[in-house]
Amino acid sequence: MAAFLLGAVLLIVQPQIVPSRPAINSNAETSSQSVQRELLKKPSQKNDFKENIHSNGSCQQLPQTIIIGVRKGGTRALLEMLSLHPDIAAAESEVHFFDWEDHYRNGLQWYINQMPFSYPYQITVEKTPAYFTSPKVPERVYNMNQSMRLLLILRDPSERVLSDYTQVFYNHMQKHKPYPSIEQFLIKNGELNLDYKAINRSLYYIHMQNWLKYFPLDHIHIVDGDKLIKDPFPEIEKVERFLKLSPQINASNFYFNKTKGFYCLRDSGRERCLHESKGRAHPQVDAWLLEKLQEYFHEPNKKFFKLVGRTFDWH
């Protein structure tokens, strides 16, 4: 009887174990949490993966590093430059696993199947610029790997807005479809159109706050996209150190192409440049409108600098 009473007391006073996780809104269950719960029911979400092993000993594996953004910040250039390192295996295309619902519902096995074959000593990298500005992505990446090393490349927010417009403009031109001038997007009722998505994507501090709910700042390396364009080697050196890679990339891997107006790559005697769609000239914008755009980003930029403990040479 005494033993029974002692057991009952111990059962009552036993503390409840609460799993540790980032502080997030505890209101109604978010859609990402709902999807994640469904994914966890699948065997592939319990690390019971089918290994796709090549005869040479390489295999497909989850990425240890993701280039999360930002759109038109230089993510393709960063990936191509990083691929110069022999210990990097990079996914060719943007996977959009964490931000597209139809992809995310396929589960982690599908995600692994999109990865390149790599050796055990290599780091697998994928890049999807839309990840940075998608509210649901940080939690999903965290649920997959809390130790993920993240790369974020940023440019002057005003320049990024112009690049954003330029890409969509040329996409329409190639399809022989008309597209409004940039002024029609930037100005609404005589004021800056804050509903324009390209402007929202350049409010870096808002999106960075979301990522810092899940990952410490030392797990997110910010690459200066403007410096990467002007002098790529020092920026790539920093990325090597962040990823704990041996220093294999050197200044001789880069050369300035006067015809294209930007740096190209040299690897084992082979020279290659980024696709012709990269480095396109921005549309001409009236000085007053550009100044208005730069003034708008002044305060958001200051908030971002404070958030990351670092400043950038932006207008």
Protein backbone atom coordinates (compact mmCIF):
# COMPACT_ATOMS: atom_id res chain seq x y z
CA MET A 1 0.00 0.00 0.00
CA ALA A 2 2.85 2.37 0.92
CA ALA A 3 4.57 1.59 -2.35
CA PHE A 4 1.35 2.31 -4.23
CA LEU A 5 0.95 5.71 -2.50
CA LEU A 6 4.60 6.62 -3.15
CA GLY A 7 4.20 5.83 -6.83
CA ALA A 8 1.07 7.98 -7.06
CA VAL A 9 2.85 10.94 -5.43
CA LEU A 10 5.81 10.64 -7.80
CA LEU A 11 3.45 10.54 -10.77
CA ILE A 12 1.73 13.74 -9.65
CA VAL A 13 4.90 15.77 -8.99
CA GLN A 14 6.80 14.59 -12.06
CA PRO A 15 7.53 17.74 -14.13
CA GLN A 16 6.15 17.91 -17.65
CA ILE A 17 8.84 17.76 -20.29
CA VAL A 18 8.42 20.51 -22.86
CA PRO A 19 10.48 20.27 -26.03
CA SER A 20 12.72 23.23 -26.73
CA ARG A 21 11.95 25.24 -29.86
CA PRO A 22 11.96 28.86 -31.06
CA ALA A 23 9.40 31.27 -29.71
CA ILE A 24 6.60 31.56 -32.26
CA ASN A 25 3.01 32.67 -32.24
CA SER A 26 1.03 30.21 -30.13
CA ASN A 27 -2.32 31.17 -31.60
CA ALA A 28 -4.18 29.03 -34.11
CA GLU A 29 -2.10 26.44 -35.85
CA THR A 30 -0.36 27.88 -38.91
CA SER A 31 -0.68 26.30 -42.30
CA SER A 32 3.02 25.39 -42.28
CA GLN A 33 2.62 23.54 -38.99
CA SER A 34 -0.34 21.67 -40.43
CA VAL A 35 1.58 20.64 -43.53
CA GLN A 36 4.58 19.65 -41.43
CA ARG A 37 2.44 17.40 -39.25
CA GLU A 38 1.15 15.66 -42.36
CA LEU A 39 4.69 15.25 -43.64
CA LEU A 40 5.84 13.70 -40.39
CA LYS A 41 3.29 10.93 -40.89
CA LYS A 42 5.21 9.83 -43.96
CA PRO A 43 8.10 7.40 -43.50
CA SER A 44 10.40 9.72 -45.46
CA GLN A 45 10.07 12.34 -42.72
CA LYS A 46 11.49 9.96 -40.12
CA ASN A 47 14.91 9.76 -41.83
CA ASP A 48 13.85 6.45 -43.39
CA PHE A 49 15.15 7.53 -46.77
CA LYS A 50 15.92 5.49 -49.82
CA GLU A 51 19.59 6.01 -50.57
CA ASN A 52 20.33 6.69 -54.21
CA ILE A 53 23.91 5.49 -54.35
CA HIS A 54 26.05 5.72 -57.45
CA SER A 55 28.54 3.01 -58.37
CA ASN A 56 31.39 5.47 -57.72
CA GLY A 57 30.37 5.83 -54.08
CA SER A 58 28.56 9.16 -54.33
CA CYS A 59 24.94 9.56 -53.23
CA GLN A 60 22.14 12.08 -53.01
CA GLN A 61 21.71 13.70 -49.61
CA LEU A 62 19.93 16.59 -47.93
CA PRO A 63 21.77 19.91 -48.33
CA GLN A 64 23.93 21.11 -45.45
CA THR A 65 23.86 24.66 -46.83
CA ILE A 66 21.09 26.64 -48.52
CA ILE A 67 21.40 29.95 -50.36
CA ILE A 68 18.14 31.45 -49.17
CA GLY A 69 18.16 34.70 -51.15
CA VAL A 70 17.66 37.39 -51.98
CA ARG A 71 16.00 37.54 -55.41
CA LYS A 72 18.16 39.55 -57.85
CA GLY A 73 20.84 39.78 -55.19
CA GLY A 74 23.37 37.64 -57.07
CA THR A 75 22.43 34.14 -55.93
CA ARG A 76 23.35 32.50 -59.25
CA ALA A 77 26.75 34.22 -59.30
CA LEU A 78 27.37 33.15 -55.71
CA LEU A 79 26.47 29.53 -56.46
CA GLU A 80 28.62 29.41 -59.60
CA MET A 81 31.59 30.90 -57.76
CA LEU A 82 31.17 28.60 -54.78
CA SER A 83 31.02 25.63 -57.17
CA LEU A 84 34.65 26.29 -58.04
CA HIS A 85 35.47 24.57 -54.75
CA PRO A 86 35.98 20.80 -55.13
CA ASP A 87 34.19 20.13 -51.83
CA ILE A 88 30.94 21.73 -53.04
CA ALA A 89 28.16 19.85 -54.86
CA ALA A 90 25.47 22.25 -56.06
CA ALA A 91 21.93 21.61 -57.24
CA GLU A 92 21.57 22.92 -60.78
CA SER A 93 18.12 24.51 -60.58
CA GLU A 94 16.06 26.30 -57.97
CA VAL A 95 14.20 23.59 -56.05
CA HIS A 96 11.45 25.64 -54.35
CA PHE A 97 10.85 22.85 -51.85
CA PHE A 98 10.08 24.91 -48.78
CA ASP A 99 8.00 27.66 -50.39
CA TRP A 100 5.87 25.75 -52.94
CA GLU A 101 3.14 23.67 -51.29
CA ASP A 102 2.92 21.09 -54.07
CA HIS A 103 6.66 20.44 -53.69
CA TYR A 104 6.67 20.46 -49.89
CA ARG A 105 3.88 17.91 -49.68
CA ASN A 106 6.06 15.49 -51.63
CA GLY A 107 8.24 15.06 -48.54
CA LEU A 108 11.96 15.00 -47.89
CA GLN A 109 12.57 11.98 -50.09
CA TRP A 110 11.45 14.06 -53.07
CA TYR A 111 13.75 16.86 -51.89
CA ILE A 112 16.71 14.50 -51.71
CA ASN A 113 15.95 13.29 -55.22
CA GLN A 114 16.46 16.85 -56.51
CA MET A 115 19.98 17.02 -55.08
CA PRO A 116 23.19 16.28 -56.99
CA PHE A 117 25.22 13.16 -56.30
CA SER A 118 27.98 14.02 -53.86
CA TYR A 119 30.73 12.32 -51.91
CA PRO A 120 30.73 12.12 -48.09
CA TYR A 121 33.38 14.85 -47.82
CA GLN A 122 31.37 17.30 -49.94
CA ILE A 123 28.82 19.90 -48.87
CA THR A 124 25.57 19.80 -50.83
CA VAL A 125 24.16 23.25 -51.62
CA GLU A 126 20.87 24.36 -53.12
CA LYS A 127 19.69 27.88 -53.82
CA THR A 128 16.17 29.26 -54.03
CA PRO A 129 16.08 33.08 -53.67
CA ALA A 130 12.36 33.12 -52.82
CA TYR A 131 13.07 31.38 -49.49
CA PHE A 132 14.23 34.59 -47.78
CA THR A 133 10.96 36.47 -48.24
CA SER A 134 8.58 33.53 -47.71
CA PRO A 135 7.18 33.63 -44.12
CA LYS A 136 6.68 29.86 -43.86
CA VAL A 137 10.18 28.81 -44.94
CA PRO A 138 12.34 29.48 -41.83
CA GLU A 139 10.29 27.15 -39.63
CA ARG A 140 10.27 24.44 -42.28
CA VAL A 141 14.04 24.58 -42.74
CA TYR A 142 14.47 24.54 -38.95
CA ASN A 143 12.25 21.45 -38.65
CA MET A 144 14.45 19.68 -41.18
CA ASN A 145 17.85 20.71 -39.79
CA GLN A 146 18.41 23.04 -36.84
CA SER A 147 22.14 23.23 -37.66
CA MET A 148 21.68 24.39 -41.26
CA ARG A 149 24.26 26.89 -42.51
CA LEU A 150 22.51 29.62 -44.48
CA LEU A 151 23.87 31.98 -47.12
CA LEU A 152 22.12 35.28 -47.82
CA ILE A 153 23.37 37.64 -50.51
CA LEU A 154 22.05 41.21 -50.49
CA ARG A 155 22.42 44.29 -52.69
CA ASP A 156 21.50 47.93 -52.28
CA PRO A 157 17.69 47.70 -51.86
CA SER A 158 16.99 50.38 -54.49
CA GLU A 159 19.19 48.64 -57.06
CA ARG A 160 17.54 45.33 -56.22
CA VAL A 161 14.10 46.83 -56.97
CA LEU A 162 15.32 47.96 -60.39
CA SER A 163 16.84 44.53 -61.10
CA ASP A 164 13.59 42.88 -60.04
CA TYR A 165 11.64 44.96 -62.54
CA THR A 166 14.25 44.43 -65.27
CA GLN A 167 14.00 40.64 -65.04
CA VAL A 168 10.21 40.62 -65.38
CA PHE A 169 10.38 43.23 -68.16
CA TYR A 170 12.76 41.13 -70.28
CA ASN A 171 10.72 37.97 -69.62
CA HIS A 172 7.72 39.73 -71.16
CA MET A 173 9.77 41.12 -74.05
CA GLN A 174 11.02 37.64 -74.96
CA LYS A 175 7.41 36.48 -75.17
CA HIS A 176 6.51 39.59 -77.22
CA LYS A 177 4.17 40.75 -74.50
CA PRO A 178 3.81 44.43 -73.55
CA TYR A 179 4.86 45.47 -70.04
CA PRO A 180 4.27 48.76 -68.19
CA SER A 181 7.11 51.17 -67.46
CA ILE A 182 8.75 50.99 -64.05
CA GLU A 183 7.23 54.36 -63.14
CA GLN A 184 3.77 52.82 -63.41
CA PHE A 185 4.75 50.29 -60.74
CA LEU A 186 6.68 52.63 -58.45
CA ILE A 187 4.21 55.52 -58.37
CA LYS A 188 0.59 55.41 -57.27
CA ASN A 189 -1.48 58.57 -56.78
CA GLY A 190 1.69 60.64 -56.83
CA GLU A 191 3.35 58.66 -54.04
CA LEU A 192 5.65 55.67 -53.86
CA ASN A 193 3.59 52.52 -54.39
CA LEU A 194 4.31 50.51 -51.25
CA ASP A 195 2.12 47.67 -52.53
CA TYR A 196 4.64 46.92 -55.26
CA LYS A 197 6.07 43.49 -54.38
CA ALA A 198 9.57 44.42 -55.51
CA ILE A 199 9.70 47.08 -52.78
CA ASN A 200 8.52 44.64 -50.12
CA ARG A 201 11.25 42.18 -51.09
CA SER A 202 13.85 44.88 -50.36
CA LEU A 203 12.65 45.45 -46.79
CA TYR A 204 15.37 43.14 -45.53
CA TYR A 205 14.90 43.71 -41.81
CA ILE A 206 11.32 42.38 -41.88
CA HIS A 207 12.32 39.10 -43.50
CA MET A 208 15.51 38.78 -41.45
CA GLN A 209 13.50 39.03 -38.21
CA ASN A 210 11.55 35.97 -39.30
CA TRP A 211 14.72 33.95 -39.90
CA LEU A 212 16.24 35.00 -36.58
CA LYS A 213 13.28 33.46 -34.76
CA TYR A 214 14.69 30.08 -35.74
CA PHE A 215 18.39 30.45 -36.51
CA PRO A 216 21.10 32.33 -34.61
CA LEU A 217 22.90 35.05 -36.51
CA ASP A 218 26.13 33.03 -36.61
CA HIS A 219 24.33 30.44 -38.77
CA ILE A 220 23.49 33.05 -41.42
CA HIS A 221 26.34 34.47 -43.47
CA ILE A 222 25.49 37.66 -45.37
CA VAL A 223 27.33 38.13 -48.63
CA ASP A 224 27.68 41.69 -49.89
CA GLY A 225 26.26 41.38 -53.40
CA ASP A 226 27.54 44.79 -54.51
CA LYS A 227 31.10 43.88 -53.51
CA LEU A 228 30.76 40.44 -55.11
CA ILE A 229 30.14 42.18 -58.44
CA LYS A 230 33.09 44.60 -58.11
CA ASP A 231 35.64 42.26 -56.48
CA PRO A 232 34.37 38.69 -55.99
CA PHE A 233 37.41 36.96 -54.47
CA PRO A 234 37.34 38.53 -50.94
CA GLU A 235 33.63 37.76 -50.59
CA ILE A 236 34.11 34.12 -51.63
CA GLU A 237 36.99 33.80 -49.15
CA LYS A 238 34.58 34.76 -46.37
CA VAL A 239 32.09 32.15 -47.56
CA GLU A 240 34.80 29.49 -47.52
CA ARG A 241 35.62 30.34 -43.90
CA PHE A 242 31.94 30.35 -42.91
CA LEU A 243 31.43 26.88 -44.38
CA LYS A 244 34.71 25.68 -42.85
CA LEU A 245 36.08 24.78 -46.26
CA SER A 246 39.77 24.53 -46.99
CA PRO A 247 40.94 27.59 -48.99
CA GLN A 248 40.82 26.28 -52.55
CA ILE A 249 39.38 29.21 -54.53
CA ASN A 250 41.88 31.95 -55.38
CA ALA A 251 42.06 35.26 -57.24
CA SER A 252 43.19 33.56 -60.46
CA ASN A 253 39.73 31.91 -60.69
CA PHE A 254 38.24 35.30 -61.60
CA TYR A 255 38.87 37.59 -64.55
CA PHE A 256 37.10 40.73 -65.67
CA ASN A 257 35.36 40.46 -69.02
CA LYS A 258 35.40 43.95 -70.56
CA THR A 259 32.81 43.02 -73.18
CA LYS A 260 30.24 41.85 -70.64
CA GLY A 261 31.28 44.36 -67.98
CA PHE A 262 31.53 41.89 -65.08
CA TYR A 263 33.71 39.12 -63.69
CA CYS A 264 33.75 35.66 -65.24
CA LEU A 265 35.18 32.39 -63.92
CA ARG A 266 38.28 30.40 -64.81
CA ASP A 267 38.46 26.79 -63.67
CA SER A 268 41.22 24.37 -64.69
CA GLY A 269 41.92 26.44 -67.79
CA ARG A 270 38.24 26.58 -68.77
CA GLU A 271 36.60 30.00 -68.84
CA ARG A 272 32.90 30.62 -68.42
CA CYS A 273 30.61 33.56 -67.77
CA LEU A 274 27.15 33.82 -66.31
CA HIS A 275 24.15 33.58 -68.62
CA GLU A 276 23.49 36.59 -70.83
CA SER A 277 20.38 37.31 -68.76
CA LYS A 278 22.66 38.34 -65.89
CA GLY A 279 23.99 41.87 -65.64
CA ARG A 280 21.36 43.44 -67.87
CA ALA A 281 21.18 47.23 -67.92
CA HIS A 282 18.50 48.71 -65.69
CA PRO A 283 15.81 50.98 -67.14
CA GLN A 284 16.40 54.71 -67.05
CA VAL A 285 14.70 56.15 -63.97
CA ASP A 286 14.17 59.84 -63.30
CA ALA A 287 16.56 61.15 -60.65
CA TRP A 288 13.72 62.37 -58.43
CA LEU A 289 12.09 58.93 -58.42
CA LEU A 290 15.35 57.15 -57.64
CA GLU A 291 15.98 59.60 -54.81
CA LYS A 292 12.47 58.99 -53.49
CA LEU A 293 13.13 55.25 -53.50
CA GLN A 294 16.45 55.66 -51.70
CA GLU A 295 14.90 57.94 -49.08
CA TYR A 296 12.19 55.37 -48.40
CA PHE A 297 14.73 52.64 -47.70
CA HIS A 298 16.87 54.80 -45.41
CA GLU A 299 15.10 53.89 -42.15
CA PRO A 300 14.48 50.20 -43.01
CA ASN A 301 18.18 49.89 -43.85
CA LYS A 302 19.16 51.34 -40.48
CA LYS A 303 16.92 48.77 -38.76
CA PHE A 304 18.56 46.00 -40.75
CA PHE A 305 22.08 47.20 -39.89
CA LYS A 306 21.19 47.22 -36.21
CA LEU A 307 19.62 43.77 -36.46
CA VAL A 308 22.71 42.13 -37.98
CA GLY A 309 25.34 44.30 -36.29
CA ARG A 310 26.85 45.35 -39.59
CA THR A 311 26.55 48.19 -42.10
CA PHE A 312 26.55 48.15 -45.89
CA ASP A 313 27.45 50.85 -48.39
CA TRP A 314 23.90 51.48 -49.57
CA HIS A 315 22.42 54.83 -50.52
